[in-house]
Amino acid sequence: MYICGIKILEIMVTITIKENSKQAKAVIEMLKTFAFVEIKETKTVKTINTKAKSKSAIEISLEEEKKGKINFYKNSTDLFNKVLNV
C-alpha cells in the first residue's frame, strides 16, 4: 500500500492506493515521476482466517467414542431420565 502526499499551495493531500491491480501500480509509477509528489510505502499485515472447520455430528460422535465418552442407556425412558436429570 502506498500513501502519496501532494503539496499544492501549502495544502497537503493524502491519497491511499491499494497495490492490487495493474492500474494502481501504473498510477503509482506515474506519480513517482512528479517532483512535487512524496511517496511513502506502508506495509500492511494480512490477517489469515484460521476459523476451524465445524465438525459434523458424526465426526463429534466418533471422537467421543474414541475418548470413551459414550453413554449407554437401557431404553428411551432411561435416556430421557438421564438427560433431564430426573
Protein backbone atom coordinates (compact mmCIF):
# COMPACT_ATOMS: atom_id res chain seq x y z
CA MET A 1 0.00 0.00 0.00
CA TYR A 2 1.31 3.42 -0.89
CA ILE A 3 0.42 6.76 0.63
CA CYS A 4 1.09 9.75 -1.56
CA GLY A 5 1.40 13.24 -0.18
CA ILE A 6 0.91 16.04 -2.69
CA LYS A 7 1.69 19.57 -1.54
CA ILE A 8 -0.24 22.13 -3.57
CA LEU A 9 -0.31 25.74 -2.40
CA GLU A 10 0.68 24.65 1.11
CA ILE A 11 -2.20 22.17 1.20
CA MET A 12 -1.26 18.57 1.91
CA VAL A 13 -3.39 15.88 0.29
CA THR A 14 -3.06 12.23 1.30
CA ILE A 15 -4.08 9.52 -1.14
CA THR A 16 -4.15 5.84 -0.26
CA ILE A 17 -3.67 3.43 -3.16
CA LYS A 18 -4.02 -0.31 -2.74
CA GLU A 19 -1.46 -2.00 -4.92
CA ASN A 20 -3.71 -4.83 -6.03
CA SER A 21 -4.15 -4.12 -9.75
CA LYS A 22 -2.13 -3.17 -12.82
CA GLN A 23 -3.88 0.21 -12.94
CA ALA A 24 -2.95 1.00 -9.34
CA LYS A 25 0.69 0.12 -9.99
CA ALA A 26 0.68 2.28 -13.13
CA VAL A 27 -0.71 5.26 -11.20
CA ILE A 28 1.97 4.82 -8.52
CA GLU A 29 4.71 4.74 -11.16
CA MET A 30 3.28 7.86 -12.83
CA LEU A 31 3.11 9.74 -9.51
CA LYS A 32 6.75 8.86 -8.80
CA THR A 33 7.77 10.90 -11.85
CA PHE A 34 6.46 14.19 -10.39
CA ALA A 35 8.94 16.24 -8.36
CA PHE A 36 6.23 17.60 -6.06
CA VAL A 37 4.94 14.16 -5.05
CA GLU A 38 6.34 12.40 -2.00
CA ILE A 39 5.52 8.70 -1.79
CA LYS A 40 5.72 6.71 1.43
CA GLU A 41 5.25 2.97 1.17
CA THR A 42 3.41 1.38 4.06
CA LYS A 43 3.37 -2.29 4.88
CA THR A 44 0.09 -3.91 5.79
CA VAL A 45 -0.23 -7.18 7.61
CA LYS A 46 -2.72 -9.59 6.12
CA THR A 47 -4.85 -11.44 8.58
CA ILE A 48 -5.41 -15.07 7.86
CA ASN A 49 -8.75 -16.53 8.78
CA THR A 50 -7.94 -19.55 10.90
CA LYS A 51 -11.50 -20.37 11.77
CA ALA A 52 -11.73 -24.08 12.38
CA LYS A 53 -13.95 -26.14 10.17
CA SER A 54 -17.07 -27.07 12.06
CA LYS A 55 -17.39 -30.79 12.63
CA SER A 56 -20.39 -32.83 11.70
CA ALA A 57 -22.35 -34.66 14.37
CA ILE A 58 -20.95 -37.99 13.23
CA GLU A 59 -17.36 -36.69 13.49
CA ILE A 60 -18.02 -35.47 17.03
CA SER A 61 -19.63 -38.78 17.96
CA LEU A 62 -16.71 -40.80 16.58
CA GLU A 63 -14.21 -38.64 18.52
CA GLU A 64 -16.21 -39.08 21.72
CA GLU A 65 -16.31 -42.84 21.17
CA LYS A 66 -12.51 -42.91 20.79
CA LYS A 67 -12.18 -40.98 24.06
CA GLY A 68 -14.55 -43.34 25.87
CA LYS A 69 -17.24 -40.71 26.32
CA ILE A 70 -20.06 -42.98 25.23
CA ASN A 71 -23.12 -43.40 27.41
CA PHE A 72 -25.30 -46.47 27.19
CA TYR A 73 -28.98 -46.48 28.06
CA LYS A 74 -31.38 -49.34 28.64
CA ASN A 75 -34.18 -47.73 26.67
CA SER A 76 -35.58 -44.34 25.64
CA THR A 77 -37.08 -43.73 29.08
CA ASP A 78 -33.68 -44.26 30.68
CA LEU A 79 -32.14 -41.84 28.15
CA PHE A 80 -34.71 -39.11 28.84
CA ASN A 81 -34.38 -39.53 32.58
CA LYS A 82 -30.60 -39.09 32.41
CA VAL A 83 -30.79 -36.14 30.01
CA LEU A 84 -33.46 -34.38 32.07
CA ASN A 85 -31.69 -35.29 35.34
CA VAL A 86 -34.80 -36.95 36.71
